[in-house]
Amino acid sequence: RRVHGVELAEGRAGDNVGVNIRGLAVTALKRGFVIGDATRSPPSDVLSFTAQLVVLNHPSAIRVGYTPTLCCHSASVAVRFAELMHTVDRRSGTVKELAPETLVK
């Protein structure tokens, strides 16, 4: 795995990682495809996931039950917020409030 010519042991959030698979042409993988190791840990659906969100501009309060559309690469899926875990101070990165009822501007 390499990012900008630098070898990496793993890809992390925000990294743009290119993958070459021996015996598979680059043109065989199209945008939106998912690759994984089918024998050890095949990719699968999930019922829930945890995400860190940065709200830049929102006209009202965000609370549990809010249902935005999540756009990630070529996928657009409606998701539902089941829990708001905490808010984080933008400058220091420290937790400001645990389990807030709403997120407001």
C-alpha atoms as a PDB file:
ATOM      1  CA  ARG A   1       0.000   0.000   0.000  1.00  0.00           C
ATOM      2  CA  ARG A   2       1.385   3.353  -0.986  1.00  0.00           C
ATOM      3  CA  VAL A   3       0.177   6.936  -0.576  1.00  0.00           C
ATOM      4  CA  HIS A   4       1.955   9.520  -2.743  1.00  0.00           C
ATOM      5  CA  GLY A   5       4.843   7.070  -3.200  1.00  0.00           C
ATOM      6  CA  VAL A   6       5.180   6.366   0.543  1.00  0.00           C
ATOM      7  CA  GLU A   7       4.601   2.777   1.682  1.00  0.00           C
ATOM      8  CA  LEU A   8       1.976   2.364   4.439  1.00  0.00           C
ATOM      9  CA  ALA A   9       1.054  -0.555   6.673  1.00  0.00           C
ATOM     10  CA  GLU A  10      -2.597   0.585   6.709  1.00  0.00           C
ATOM     11  CA  GLY A  11      -4.891   3.223   5.232  1.00  0.00           C
ATOM     12  CA  ARG A  12      -6.569   5.599   7.689  1.00  0.00           C
ATOM     13  CA  ALA A  13      -9.396   8.113   7.456  1.00  0.00           C
ATOM     14  CA  GLY A  14      -8.505  10.841   4.985  1.00  0.00           C
ATOM     15  CA  ASP A  15      -5.832   8.807   3.163  1.00  0.00           C
ATOM     16  CA  ASN A  16      -6.187   8.313  -0.577  1.00  0.00           C
ATOM     17  CA  VAL A  17      -4.833   4.826  -1.070  1.00  0.00           C
ATOM     18  CA  GLY A  18      -4.224   3.064  -4.374  1.00  0.00           C
ATOM     19  CA  VAL A  19      -4.274  -0.729  -4.586  1.00  0.00           C
ATOM     20  CA  ASN A  20      -2.737  -3.008  -7.199  1.00  0.00           C
ATOM     21  CA  ILE A  21      -3.821  -6.654  -7.215  1.00  0.00           C
ATOM     22  CA  ARG A  22      -1.621  -9.153  -9.006  1.00  0.00           C
ATOM     23  CA  GLY A  23      -3.512 -10.808 -11.857  1.00  0.00           C
ATOM     24  CA  LEU A  24      -6.290  -8.205 -11.913  1.00  0.00           C
ATOM     25  CA  ALA A  25      -6.293  -5.397 -14.490  1.00  0.00           C
ATOM     26  CA  VAL A  26      -6.696  -1.853 -13.173  1.00  0.00           C
ATOM     27  CA  THR A  27      -9.714  -1.448 -15.483  1.00  0.00           C
ATOM     28  CA  ALA A  28     -11.472  -4.409 -13.799  1.00  0.00           C
ATOM     29  CA  LEU A  29     -12.174  -2.332 -10.683  1.00  0.00           C
ATOM     30  CA  LYS A  30     -14.729   0.405 -11.212  1.00  0.00           C
ATOM     31  CA  ARG A  31     -15.799   3.309  -9.008  1.00  0.00           C
ATOM     32  CA  GLY A  32     -17.991   2.095  -6.149  1.00  0.00           C
ATOM     33  CA  PHE A  33     -16.612  -1.469  -6.101  1.00  0.00           C
ATOM     34  CA  VAL A  34     -15.666  -2.944  -2.727  1.00  0.00           C
ATOM     35  CA  ILE A  35     -12.608  -5.163  -2.393  1.00  0.00           C
ATOM     36  CA  GLY A  36     -11.666  -7.387   0.509  1.00  0.00           C
ATOM     37  CA  ASP A  37     -10.218 -10.720   1.550  1.00  0.00           C
ATOM     38  CA  ALA A  38     -13.031 -13.219   0.902  1.00  0.00           C
ATOM     39  CA  THR A  39     -11.293 -16.007   2.842  1.00  0.00           C
ATOM     40  CA  ARG A  40     -10.344 -14.206   6.064  1.00  0.00           C
ATOM     41  CA  SER A  41     -12.715 -11.270   6.476  1.00  0.00           C
ATOM     42  CA  PRO A  42     -15.103 -10.715   3.570  1.00  0.00           C
ATOM     43  CA  PRO A  43     -16.843  -7.322   3.231  1.00  0.00           C
ATOM     44  CA  SER A  44     -20.402  -7.440   4.546  1.00  0.00           C
ATOM     45  CA  ASP A  45     -23.411  -5.274   5.328  1.00  0.00           C
ATOM     46  CA  VAL A  46     -23.694  -3.598   8.725  1.00  0.00           C
ATOM     47  CA  LEU A  47     -26.744  -2.642  10.753  1.00  0.00           C
ATOM     48  CA  SER A  48     -24.999   0.313  12.386  1.00  0.00           C
ATOM     49  CA  PHE A  49     -21.710   2.206  12.474  1.00  0.00           C
ATOM     50  CA  THR A  50     -20.109   5.007  14.455  1.00  0.00           C
ATOM     51  CA  ALA A  51     -19.034   8.164  12.621  1.00  0.00           C
ATOM     52  CA  GLN A  52     -17.457  11.471  13.542  1.00  0.00           C
ATOM     53  CA  LEU A  53     -19.324  14.351  11.901  1.00  0.00           C
ATOM     54  CA  VAL A  54     -18.316  17.952  11.385  1.00  0.00           C
ATOM     55  CA  VAL A  55     -21.402  20.143  10.987  1.00  0.00           C
ATOM     56  CA  LEU A  56     -20.488  23.190   8.925  1.00  0.00           C
ATOM     57  CA  ASN A  57     -23.906  24.734   8.401  1.00  0.00           C
ATOM     58  CA  HIS A  58     -27.332  23.407   9.375  1.00  0.00           C
ATOM     59  CA  PRO A  59     -30.545  25.463   9.614  1.00  0.00           C
ATOM     60  CA  SER A  60     -31.935  23.752  12.743  1.00  0.00           C
ATOM     61  CA  ALA A  61     -31.009  21.526  15.683  1.00  0.00           C
ATOM     62  CA  ILE A  62     -29.853  17.960  15.020  1.00  0.00           C
ATOM     63  CA  ARG A  63     -31.128  15.314  17.440  1.00  0.00           C
ATOM     64  CA  VAL A  64     -31.501  11.548  17.772  1.00  0.00           C
ATOM     65  CA  GLY A  65     -33.791  10.290  15.015  1.00  0.00           C
ATOM     66  CA  TYR A  66     -32.527  12.809  12.437  1.00  0.00           C
ATOM     67  CA  THR A  67     -32.365  11.109   9.013  1.00  0.00           C
ATOM     68  CA  PRO A  68     -29.891  12.704   6.593  1.00  0.00           C
ATOM     69  CA  THR A  69     -28.660  11.254   3.312  1.00  0.00           C
ATOM     70  CA  LEU A  70     -25.105   9.938   3.608  1.00  0.00           C
ATOM     71  CA  CYS A  71     -23.080  10.378   0.415  1.00  0.00           C
ATOM     72  CA  CYS A  72     -19.832   8.455   0.266  1.00  0.00           C
ATOM     73  CA  HIS A  73     -18.072   8.175  -3.104  1.00  0.00           C
ATOM     74  CA  SER A  74     -20.744   6.809  -5.453  1.00  0.00           C
ATOM     75  CA  ALA A  75     -23.249   5.711  -2.772  1.00  0.00           C
ATOM     76  CA  SER A  76     -26.158   7.761  -1.375  1.00  0.00           C
ATOM     77  CA  VAL A  77     -28.030   6.142   1.512  1.00  0.00           C
ATOM     78  CA  ALA A  78     -30.541   7.430   4.078  1.00  0.00           C
ATOM     79  CA  VAL A  79     -29.173   6.937   7.605  1.00  0.00           C
ATOM     80  CA  ARG A  80     -30.751   7.543  11.019  1.00  0.00           C
ATOM     81  CA  PHE A  81     -28.919   8.971  14.035  1.00  0.00           C
ATOM     82  CA  ALA A  82     -29.534   6.483  16.859  1.00  0.00           C
ATOM     83  CA  GLU A  83     -27.313   8.260  19.395  1.00  0.00           C
ATOM     84  CA  LEU A  84     -25.346  11.486  19.799  1.00  0.00           C
ATOM     85  CA  MET A  85     -22.286  10.388  21.765  1.00  0.00           C
ATOM     86  CA  HIS A  86     -20.520  13.698  22.512  1.00  0.00           C
ATOM     87  CA  THR A  87     -19.497  17.080  21.195  1.00  0.00           C
ATOM     88  CA  VAL A  88     -15.858  18.060  20.721  1.00  0.00           C
ATOM     89  CA  ASP A  89     -14.178  21.451  21.091  1.00  0.00           C
ATOM     90  CA  ARG A  90     -12.920  22.472  17.629  1.00  0.00           C
ATOM     91  CA  ARG A  91      -9.691  24.023  18.878  1.00  0.00           C
ATOM     92  CA  SER A  92      -8.518  21.611  21.570  1.00  0.00           C
ATOM     93  CA  GLY A  93     -10.193  18.373  20.439  1.00  0.00           C
ATOM     94  CA  THR A  94     -11.403  17.691  23.992  1.00  0.00           C
ATOM     95  CA  VAL A  95     -14.898  16.387  24.744  1.00  0.00           C
ATOM     96  CA  LYS A  96     -17.235  19.282  25.624  1.00  0.00           C
ATOM     97  CA  GLU A  97     -20.493  17.459  26.372  1.00  0.00           C
ATOM     98  CA  LEU A  98     -21.423  13.793  26.738  1.00  0.00           C
ATOM     99  CA  ALA A  99     -24.697  12.523  25.221  1.00  0.00           C
ATOM    100  CA  PRO A 100     -26.068  15.928  24.130  1.00  0.00           C
ATOM    101  CA  GLU A 101     -29.797  16.086  23.429  1.00  0.00           C
ATOM    102  CA  THR A 102     -29.272  18.296  20.388  1.00  0.00           C
ATOM    103  CA  LEU A 103     -26.502  19.736  18.245  1.00  0.00           C
ATOM    104  CA  VAL A 104     -27.086  23.405  17.534  1.00  0.00           C
ATOM    105  CA  LYS A 105     -25.070  26.045  15.742  1.00  0.00           C
END
